[in-house]
Amino acid sequence: MINMGHVRFENTYLALEECIEDLQGNKAISPSENEYRLSLYEKCKEYIAACDGYVYNEESDNDF
C-alpha cells in the first residue's frame, strides 16, 4: 500500500497539485514520466466516474 488509508486522498491531492504545477510551468519530464502523465489522465477520468456513483456515509465503519 503506497498510502495509509486514513490520508490516502489527502496525500494524492497534494501529489496531484504538484503534477499540475509542473504541467502549467511546462517543466520538462522524461519519456517514462510522460507515459505516466498520459496514464494519469485516463485514471482521473475513472476517478471522476467513480465519484459520480459514490455516496458518502458518515456513519459507516472507518479504519481509524
PDB file of N, CA and C in Angstrom:
ATOM      1  N   MET A   1       0.849  -1.173   0.000  1.00  0.00           N
ATOM      2  CA  MET A   1       0.000   0.000   0.000  1.00  0.00           C
ATOM      3  C   MET A   1       0.896   1.239   0.000  1.00  0.00           C
ATOM      4  N   ILE A   2       0.696   2.127  -0.961  1.00  0.00           N
ATOM      5  CA  ILE A   2       1.509   3.330  -1.083  1.00  0.00           C
ATOM      6  C   ILE A   2       1.159   4.343   0.002  1.00  0.00           C
ATOM      7  N   ASN A   3      -0.111   4.529   0.266  1.00  0.00           N
ATOM      8  CA  ASN A   3      -0.585   5.487   1.260  1.00  0.00           C
ATOM      9  C   ASN A   3      -1.357   4.772   2.354  1.00  0.00           C
ATOM     10  N   MET A   4      -1.270   5.308   3.567  1.00  0.00           N
ATOM     11  CA  MET A   4      -2.106   4.787   4.636  1.00  0.00           C
ATOM     12  C   MET A   4      -3.534   5.239   4.357  1.00  0.00           C
ATOM     13  N   GLY A   5      -4.491   4.366   4.614  1.00  0.00           N
ATOM     14  CA  GLY A   5      -5.876   4.613   4.259  1.00  0.00           C
ATOM     15  C   GLY A   5      -6.459   5.905   4.781  1.00  0.00           C
ATOM     16  N   HIS A   6      -6.067   6.313   5.972  1.00  0.00           N
ATOM     17  CA  HIS A   6      -6.700   7.492   6.553  1.00  0.00           C
ATOM     18  C   HIS A   6      -6.186   8.815   5.978  1.00  0.00           C
ATOM     19  N   VAL A   7      -5.141   8.781   5.142  1.00  0.00           N
ATOM     20  CA  VAL A   7      -4.654  10.010   4.491  1.00  0.00           C
ATOM     21  C   VAL A   7      -4.448   9.819   2.990  1.00  0.00           C
ATOM     22  N   ARG A   8      -5.012   8.762   2.441  1.00  0.00           N
ATOM     23  CA  ARG A   8      -4.813   8.442   1.025  1.00  0.00           C
ATOM     24  C   ARG A   8      -5.254   9.577   0.103  1.00  0.00           C
ATOM     25  N   PHE A   9      -6.454  10.086   0.321  1.00  0.00           N
ATOM     26  CA  PHE A   9      -6.962  11.143  -0.558  1.00  0.00           C
ATOM     27  C   PHE A   9      -6.203  12.450  -0.348  1.00  0.00           C
ATOM     28  N   GLU A  10      -5.846  12.730   0.891  1.00  0.00           N
ATOM     29  CA  GLU A  10      -5.074  13.945   1.186  1.00  0.00           C
ATOM     30  C   GLU A  10      -3.718  13.902   0.492  1.00  0.00           C
ATOM     31  N   ASN A  11      -2.993  12.807   0.625  1.00  0.00           N
ATOM     32  CA  ASN A  11      -1.678  12.685   0.003  1.00  0.00           C
ATOM     33  C   ASN A  11      -1.765  12.719  -1.516  1.00  0.00           C
ATOM     34  N   THR A  12      -2.763  12.050  -2.058  1.00  0.00           N
ATOM     35  CA  THR A  12      -2.934  12.031  -3.510  1.00  0.00           C
ATOM     36  C   THR A  12      -3.273  13.420  -4.033  1.00  0.00           C
ATOM     37  N   TYR A  13      -4.106  14.139  -3.304  1.00  0.00           N
ATOM     38  CA  TYR A  13      -4.454  15.510  -3.681  1.00  0.00           C
ATOM     39  C   TYR A  13      -3.202  16.373  -3.769  1.00  0.00           C
ATOM     40  N   LEU A  14      -2.348  16.288  -2.747  1.00  0.00           N
ATOM     41  CA  LEU A  14      -1.128  17.096  -2.722  1.00  0.00           C
ATOM     42  C   LEU A  14      -0.184  16.725  -3.865  1.00  0.00           C
ATOM     43  N   ALA A  15      -0.065  15.430  -4.143  1.00  0.00           N
ATOM     44  CA  ALA A  15       0.792  14.985  -5.245  1.00  0.00           C
ATOM     45  C   ALA A  15       0.231  15.450  -6.589  1.00  0.00           C
ATOM     46  N   LEU A  16      -1.086  15.386  -6.734  1.00  0.00           N
ATOM     47  CA  LEU A  16      -1.708  15.827  -7.980  1.00  0.00           C
ATOM     48  C   LEU A  16      -1.518  17.326  -8.177  1.00  0.00           C
ATOM     49  N   GLU A  17      -1.587  18.088  -7.098  1.00  0.00           N
ATOM     50  CA  GLU A  17      -1.320  19.529  -7.186  1.00  0.00           C
ATOM     51  C   GLU A  17       0.077  19.785  -7.748  1.00  0.00           C
ATOM     52  N   GLU A  18       1.076  19.029  -7.273  1.00  0.00           N
ATOM     53  CA  GLU A  18       2.446  19.177  -7.766  1.00  0.00           C
ATOM     54  C   GLU A  18       2.535  18.857  -9.254  1.00  0.00           C
ATOM     55  N   CYS A  19       1.847  17.804  -9.672  1.00  0.00           N
ATOM     56  CA  CYS A  19       1.850  17.434 -11.091  1.00  0.00           C
ATOM     57  C   CYS A  19       1.253  18.562 -11.937  1.00  0.00           C
ATOM     58  N   ILE A  20       0.160  19.129 -11.473  1.00  0.00           N
ATOM     59  CA  ILE A  20      -0.495  20.209 -12.211  1.00  0.00           C
ATOM     60  C   ILE A  20       0.425  21.420 -12.313  1.00  0.00           C
ATOM     61  N   GLU A  21       1.085  21.756 -11.219  1.00  0.00           N
ATOM     62  CA  GLU A  21       2.016  22.892 -11.231  1.00  0.00           C
ATOM     63  C   GLU A  21       3.136  22.669 -12.247  1.00  0.00           C
ATOM     64  N   ASP A  22       3.667  21.452 -12.299  1.00  0.00           N
ATOM     65  CA  ASP A  22       4.717  21.146 -13.265  1.00  0.00           C
ATOM     66  C   ASP A  22       4.215  21.281 -14.697  1.00  0.00           C
ATOM     67  N   LEU A  23       3.010  20.781 -14.955  1.00  0.00           N
ATOM     68  CA  LEU A  23       2.454  20.892 -16.304  1.00  0.00           C
ATOM     69  C   LEU A  23       2.204  22.350 -16.680  1.00  0.00           C
ATOM     70  N   GLN A  24       1.667  23.114 -15.757  1.00  0.00           N
ATOM     71  CA  GLN A  24       1.389  24.523 -16.026  1.00  0.00           C
ATOM     72  C   GLN A  24       2.680  25.316 -16.220  1.00  0.00           C
ATOM     73  N   GLY A  25       3.757  24.871 -15.568  1.00  0.00           N
ATOM     74  CA  GLY A  25       5.044  25.536 -15.709  1.00  0.00           C
ATOM     75  C   GLY A  25       5.866  25.007 -16.863  1.00  0.00           C
ATOM     76  N   ASN A  26       5.271  24.108 -17.640  1.00  0.00           N
ATOM     77  CA  ASN A  26       5.951  23.489 -18.787  1.00  0.00           C
ATOM     78  C   ASN A  26       7.290  22.877 -18.415  1.00  0.00           C
ATOM     79  N   LYS A  27       7.368  22.259 -17.234  1.00  0.00           N
ATOM     80  CA  LYS A  27       8.606  21.595 -16.827  1.00  0.00           C
ATOM     81  C   LYS A  27       8.837  20.378 -17.710  1.00  0.00           C
ATOM     82  N   ALA A  28      10.086  20.167 -18.063  1.00  0.00           N
ATOM     83  CA  ALA A  28      10.449  19.006 -18.875  1.00  0.00           C
ATOM     84  C   ALA A  28      10.296  17.732 -18.039  1.00  0.00           C
ATOM     85  N   ILE A  29       9.770  16.690 -18.662  1.00  0.00           N
ATOM     86  CA  ILE A  29       9.650  15.397 -17.989  1.00  0.00           C
ATOM     87  C   ILE A  29      10.235  14.326 -18.905  1.00  0.00           C
ATOM     88  N   SER A  30      10.629  13.224 -18.289  1.00  0.00           N
ATOM     89  CA  SER A  30      11.238  12.125 -19.040  1.00  0.00           C
ATOM     90  C   SER A  30      10.178  11.401 -19.859  1.00  0.00           C
ATOM     91  N   PRO A  31      10.604  10.622 -20.839  1.00  0.00           N
ATOM     92  CA  PRO A  31       9.642   9.823 -21.602  1.00  0.00           C
ATOM     93  C   PRO A  31       8.809   8.905 -20.711  1.00  0.00           C
ATOM     94  N   SER A  32       9.439   8.325 -19.694  1.00  0.00           N
ATOM     95  CA  SER A  32       8.711   7.461 -18.770  1.00  0.00           C
ATOM     96  C   SER A  32       7.648   8.249 -18.014  1.00  0.00           C
ATOM     97  N   GLU A  33       8.022   9.427 -17.523  1.00  0.00           N
ATOM     98  CA  GLU A  33       7.062  10.258 -16.809  1.00  0.00           C
ATOM     99  C   GLU A  33       5.936  10.713 -17.732  1.00  0.00           C
ATOM    100  N   ASN A  34       6.249  10.914 -19.003  1.00  0.00           N
ATOM    101  CA  ASN A  34       5.210  11.297 -19.952  1.00  0.00           C
ATOM    102  C   ASN A  34       4.186  10.177 -20.123  1.00  0.00           C
ATOM    103  N   GLU A  35       4.664   8.927 -20.116  1.00  0.00           N
ATOM    104  CA  GLU A  35       3.736   7.791 -20.195  1.00  0.00           C
ATOM    105  C   GLU A  35       2.810   7.779 -18.977  1.00  0.00           C
ATOM    106  N   TYR A  36       3.373   8.047 -17.796  1.00  0.00           N
ATOM    107  CA  TYR A  36       2.541   8.092 -16.591  1.00  0.00           C
ATOM    108  C   TYR A  36       1.611   9.305 -16.607  1.00  0.00           C
ATOM    109  N   ARG A  37       2.050  10.397 -17.210  1.00  0.00           N
ATOM    110  CA  ARG A  37       1.177  11.568 -17.361  1.00  0.00           C
ATOM    111  C   ARG A  37      -0.065  11.182 -18.149  1.00  0.00           C
ATOM    112  N   LEU A  38       0.134  10.470 -19.233  1.00  0.00           N
ATOM    113  CA  LEU A  38      -0.992  10.041 -20.062  1.00  0.00           C
ATOM    114  C   LEU A  38      -1.865   9.022 -19.325  1.00  0.00           C
ATOM    115  N   SER A  39      -1.228   8.115 -18.601  1.00  0.00           N
ATOM    116  CA  SER A  39      -1.983   7.126 -17.823  1.00  0.00           C
ATOM    117  C   SER A  39      -2.766   7.795 -16.704  1.00  0.00           C
ATOM    118  N   LEU A  40      -2.174   8.810 -16.087  1.00  0.00           N
ATOM    119  CA  LEU A  40      -2.849   9.534 -15.018  1.00  0.00           C
ATOM    120  C   LEU A  40      -4.086  10.258 -15.548  1.00  0.00           C
ATOM    121  N   TYR A  41      -3.990  10.765 -16.748  1.00  0.00           N
ATOM    122  CA  TYR A  41      -5.144  11.410 -17.382  1.00  0.00           C
ATOM    123  C   TYR A  41      -6.312  10.422 -17.482  1.00  0.00           C
ATOM    124  N   GLU A  42      -6.019   9.217 -17.934  1.00  0.00           N
ATOM    125  CA  GLU A  42      -7.055   8.189 -18.054  1.00  0.00           C
ATOM    126  C   GLU A  42      -7.577   7.775 -16.677  1.00  0.00           C
ATOM    127  N   LYS A  43      -6.669   7.644 -15.707  1.00  0.00           N
ATOM    128  CA  LYS A  43      -7.069   7.249 -14.359  1.00  0.00           C
ATOM    129  C   LYS A  43      -7.946   8.325 -13.721  1.00  0.00           C
ATOM    130  N   CYS A  44      -7.676   9.584 -14.000  1.00  0.00           N
ATOM    131  CA  CYS A  44      -8.501  10.674 -13.465  1.00  0.00           C
ATOM    132  C   CYS A  44      -9.923  10.602 -14.024  1.00  0.00           C
ATOM    133  N   LYS A  45     -10.062  10.193 -15.264  1.00  0.00           N
ATOM    134  CA  LYS A  45     -11.402  10.020 -15.820  1.00  0.00           C
ATOM    135  C   LYS A  45     -12.135   8.897 -15.093  1.00  0.00           C
ATOM    136  N   GLU A  46     -11.430   7.819 -14.763  1.00  0.00           N
ATOM    137  CA  GLU A  46     -12.032   6.728 -13.993  1.00  0.00           C
ATOM    138  C   GLU A  46     -12.434   7.213 -12.603  1.00  0.00           C
ATOM    139  N   TYR A  47     -11.578   8.032 -11.995  1.00  0.00           N
ATOM    140  CA  TYR A  47     -11.851   8.562 -10.657  1.00  0.00           C
ATOM    141  C   TYR A  47     -13.107   9.428 -10.673  1.00  0.00           C
ATOM    142  N   ILE A  48     -13.236  10.273 -11.675  1.00  0.00           N
ATOM    143  CA  ILE A  48     -14.415  11.134 -11.785  1.00  0.00           C
ATOM    144  C   ILE A  48     -15.675  10.286 -11.916  1.00  0.00           C
ATOM    145  N   ALA A  49     -15.611   9.249 -12.733  1.00  0.00           N
ATOM    146  CA  ALA A  49     -16.767   8.366 -12.897  1.00  0.00           C
ATOM    147  C   ALA A  49     -17.099   7.658 -11.582  1.00  0.00           C
ATOM    148  N   ALA A  50     -16.067   7.226 -10.841  1.00  0.00           N
ATOM    149  CA  ALA A  50     -16.307   6.560  -9.561  1.00  0.00           C
ATOM    150  C   ALA A  50     -16.911   7.527  -8.551  1.00  0.00           C
ATOM    151  N   CYS A  51     -16.467   8.775  -8.565  1.00  0.00           N
ATOM    152  CA  CYS A  51     -17.015   9.787  -7.651  1.00  0.00           C
ATOM    153  C   CYS A  51     -18.487  10.051  -7.941  1.00  0.00           C
ATOM    154  N   ASP A  52     -18.847  10.011  -9.204  1.00  0.00           N
ATOM    155  CA  ASP A  52     -20.242  10.266  -9.574  1.00  0.00           C
ATOM    156  C   ASP A  52     -21.180   9.245  -8.947  1.00  0.00           C
ATOM    157  N   GLY A  53     -20.690   8.027  -8.725  1.00  0.00           N
ATOM    158  CA  GLY A  53     -21.540   6.990  -8.158  1.00  0.00           C
ATOM    159  C   GLY A  53     -21.352   6.782  -6.663  1.00  0.00           C
ATOM    160  N   TYR A  54     -20.428   7.536  -6.049  1.00  0.00           N
ATOM    161  CA  TYR A  54     -20.105   7.320  -4.641  1.00  0.00           C
ATOM    162  C   TYR A  54     -21.066   8.098  -3.751  1.00  0.00           C
ATOM    163  N   VAL A  55     -21.529   7.435  -2.695  1.00  0.00           N
ATOM    164  CA  VAL A  55     -22.375   8.087  -1.707  1.00  0.00           C
ATOM    165  C   VAL A  55     -21.640   8.039  -0.375  1.00  0.00           C
ATOM    166  N   TYR A  56     -21.308   9.187   0.176  1.00  0.00           N
ATOM    167  CA  TYR A  56     -20.594   9.264   1.449  1.00  0.00           C
ATOM    168  C   TYR A  56     -21.527   8.897   2.579  1.00  0.00           C
ATOM    169  N   ASN A  57     -21.071   7.969   3.405  1.00  0.00           N
ATOM    170  CA  ASN A  57     -21.870   7.536   4.544  1.00  0.00           C
ATOM    171  C   ASN A  57     -21.047   7.792   5.801  1.00  0.00           C
ATOM    172  N   GLU A  58     -21.348   8.870   6.483  1.00  0.00           N
ATOM    173  CA  GLU A  58     -20.607   9.293   7.666  1.00  0.00           C
ATOM    174  C   GLU A  58     -20.699   8.274   8.795  1.00  0.00           C
ATOM    175  N   GLU A  59     -21.749   7.485   8.810  1.00  0.00           N
ATOM    176  CA  GLU A  59     -21.979   6.547   9.892  1.00  0.00           C
ATOM    177  C   GLU A  59     -21.347   5.175   9.649  1.00  0.00           C
ATOM    178  N   SER A  60     -20.728   4.976   8.480  1.00  0.00           N
ATOM    179  CA  SER A  60     -20.131   3.678   8.200  1.00  0.00           C
ATOM    180  C   SER A  60     -18.883   3.469   9.045  1.00  0.00           C
ATOM    181  N   ASP A  61     -18.490   2.217   9.176  1.00  0.00           N
ATOM    182  CA  ASP A  61     -17.283   1.901   9.941  1.00  0.00           C
ATOM    183  C   ASP A  61     -16.072   2.478   9.229  1.00  0.00           C
ATOM    184  N   ASN A  62     -15.157   3.028  10.002  1.00  0.00           N
ATOM    185  CA  ASN A  62     -13.914   3.588   9.467  1.00  0.00           C
ATOM    186  C   ASN A  62     -12.738   2.759   9.939  1.00  0.00           C
ATOM    187  N   ASP A  63     -11.623   2.914   9.250  1.00  0.00           N
ATOM    188  CA  ASP A  63     -10.395   2.203   9.615  1.00  0.00           C
ATOM    189  C   ASP A  63      -9.688   2.840  10.805  1.00  0.00           C
ATOM    190  N   PHE A  64     -10.174   3.993  11.239  1.00  0.00           N
ATOM    191  CA  PHE A  64      -9.492   4.680  12.345  1.00  0.00           C
ATOM    192  C   PHE A  64     -10.481   5.138  13.397  1.00  0.00           C
TER     193      PHE A  64
END
